[in-house]
Amino acid sequence: MAESKTAVHPWIVNLRAQLDALETALLQGDAVAVEASSAQVQSVLQQAPKTAEFGRPGSALRLDMVQAAHRLGQLRQTALRAGAQNERALRSLLPEKARQPTYGRLSGSTRSGPGQAFLSA
């Protein structure tokens, strides 16, 4: 079995694991797990190593970080879409319970329902 050219930084391994957990929670539709996983990803990001390796073009750590950032962006868009869909569904099914949309009302309208405050993602 061929070994990889460079070892993966432990911080990247941890970040990937947390992104995997976030993706799993999103796929399962578990809002509580999505929130917890998102907080864990944020925590890992705040613990990024202080190293010049990030700034060096072509470094393995930099490339791994770019890939992780791309994946995080995709997962964030997925979470935003799911939240917008849930919000629209709630306002359609229970308009009296959903008085304040997350993204604001359009044109000062006071009615709620499908199409109001739509988040295009």
Protein backbone atom coordinates (compact mmCIF):
# COMPACT_ATOMS: atom_id res chain seq x y z
CA MET A 1 0.00 0.00 0.00
CA ALA A 2 1.47 3.36 -1.01
CA GLU A 3 1.80 6.00 1.67
CA SER A 4 0.90 9.62 1.04
CA LYS A 5 3.71 12.09 0.33
CA THR A 6 3.04 14.23 3.38
CA ALA A 7 1.33 13.65 6.68
CA VAL A 8 -1.94 15.47 7.24
CA HIS A 9 -1.83 18.04 10.02
CA PRO A 10 -3.80 16.90 13.13
CA TRP A 11 -5.83 20.13 13.06
CA ILE A 12 -7.01 19.34 9.52
CA VAL A 13 -7.92 15.80 10.60
CA ASN A 14 -10.02 17.27 13.43
CA LEU A 15 -11.63 19.83 11.12
CA ARG A 16 -12.53 17.13 8.59
CA ALA A 17 -14.07 14.99 11.34
CA GLN A 18 -16.21 17.89 12.51
CA LEU A 19 -17.28 18.67 8.93
CA ASP A 20 -18.23 14.99 8.54
CA ALA A 21 -20.37 15.24 11.69
CA LEU A 22 -22.03 18.41 10.38
CA GLU A 23 -22.76 16.78 7.03
CA THR A 24 -24.26 13.72 8.75
CA ALA A 25 -26.49 15.91 10.92
CA LEU A 26 -27.66 17.85 7.85
CA LEU A 27 -28.43 14.65 5.96
CA GLN A 28 -30.40 13.32 8.92
CA GLY A 29 -32.33 16.57 9.25
CA ASP A 30 -31.45 16.78 12.94
CA ALA A 31 -31.58 20.49 13.78
CA VAL A 32 -30.14 20.05 17.27
CA ALA A 33 -27.22 18.00 15.96
CA VAL A 34 -26.64 20.55 13.15
CA GLU A 35 -26.42 23.34 15.70
CA ALA A 36 -24.05 21.35 17.93
CA SER A 37 -21.88 20.28 14.99
CA SER A 38 -21.76 23.81 13.69
CA ALA A 39 -20.54 25.01 17.08
CA GLN A 40 -17.86 22.30 17.05
CA VAL A 41 -16.67 23.35 13.59
CA GLN A 42 -16.50 26.95 14.79
CA SER A 43 -14.48 25.86 17.82
CA VAL A 44 -12.01 23.94 15.66
CA LEU A 45 -11.65 26.90 13.30
CA GLN A 46 -10.82 29.16 16.24
CA GLN A 47 -8.04 26.75 17.23
CA ALA A 48 -6.28 27.01 13.86
CA PRO A 49 -2.53 26.60 14.28
CA LYS A 50 -0.43 29.73 14.11
CA THR A 51 2.00 28.78 11.41
CA ALA A 52 3.60 30.31 8.35
CA GLU A 53 2.66 27.09 6.55
CA PHE A 54 -0.76 28.60 5.73
CA GLY A 55 0.88 31.42 3.80
CA ARG A 56 3.26 29.32 1.77
CA PRO A 57 1.81 28.67 -1.73
CA GLY A 58 1.55 24.97 -2.47
CA SER A 59 1.96 23.81 1.12
CA ALA A 60 -0.08 20.75 2.09
CA LEU A 61 -1.66 22.55 5.05
CA ARG A 62 -2.74 25.44 2.85
CA LEU A 63 -4.22 23.13 0.21
CA ASP A 64 -6.03 21.07 2.86
CA MET A 65 -7.40 24.26 4.39
CA VAL A 66 -8.68 25.52 1.04
CA GLN A 67 -10.47 22.20 0.48
CA ALA A 68 -11.97 22.30 3.98
CA ALA A 69 -13.10 25.91 3.47
CA HIS A 70 -14.79 24.96 0.21
CA ARG A 71 -16.58 22.07 1.90
CA LEU A 72 -17.64 24.28 4.80
CA GLY A 73 -19.07 26.79 2.32
CA GLN A 74 -21.10 24.05 0.64
CA LEU A 75 -22.41 22.79 3.97
CA ARG A 76 -23.29 26.34 5.03
CA GLN A 77 -25.33 26.84 1.84
CA THR A 78 -27.09 23.53 2.49
CA ALA A 79 -27.97 24.63 6.02
CA LEU A 80 -29.24 28.01 4.80
CA ARG A 81 -31.40 26.37 2.14
CA ALA A 82 -32.85 23.90 4.64
CA GLY A 83 -33.63 26.73 7.07
CA ALA A 84 -35.33 28.77 4.36
CA GLN A 85 -37.39 25.78 3.25
CA ASN A 86 -38.44 25.08 6.83
CA GLU A 87 -39.38 28.72 7.33
CA ARG A 88 -41.49 28.80 4.16
CA ALA A 89 -43.20 25.54 5.09
CA LEU A 90 -43.96 26.81 8.58
CA ARG A 91 -45.45 30.04 7.24
CA SER A 92 -47.52 28.12 4.69
CA LEU A 93 -48.86 25.57 7.14
CA LEU A 94 -49.11 27.72 10.27
CA PRO A 95 -49.17 31.39 9.24
CA GLU A 96 -50.42 32.49 12.66
CA LYS A 97 -47.38 30.89 14.36
CA ALA A 98 -44.79 32.38 12.01
CA ARG A 99 -45.27 36.12 12.33
CA GLN A 100 -41.61 37.24 12.11
CA PRO A 101 -39.65 35.74 9.21
CA THR A 102 -35.94 35.37 9.72
CA TYR A 103 -35.06 37.30 6.57
CA GLY A 104 -37.55 40.17 6.88
CA ARG A 105 -40.71 41.03 5.02
CA LEU A 106 -40.74 42.08 1.40
CA SER A 107 -42.05 45.56 0.49
CA GLY A 108 -43.46 46.12 3.97
CA SER A 109 -46.19 43.54 3.37
CA THR A 110 -47.99 42.28 6.47
CA ARG A 111 -49.33 39.05 5.01
CA SER A 112 -47.35 35.86 5.39
CA GLY A 113 -47.24 32.78 3.25
CA PRO A 114 -45.26 31.14 0.50
CA GLY A 115 -43.01 33.47 -1.40
CA GLN A 116 -42.58 35.99 1.41
CA ALA A 117 -39.00 36.62 2.49
CA PHE A 118 -37.68 33.91 0.17
CA LEU A 119 -33.99 33.19 0.54
CA SER A 120 -32.49 32.45 -2.83
CA ALA A 121 -29.53 30.18 -2.40
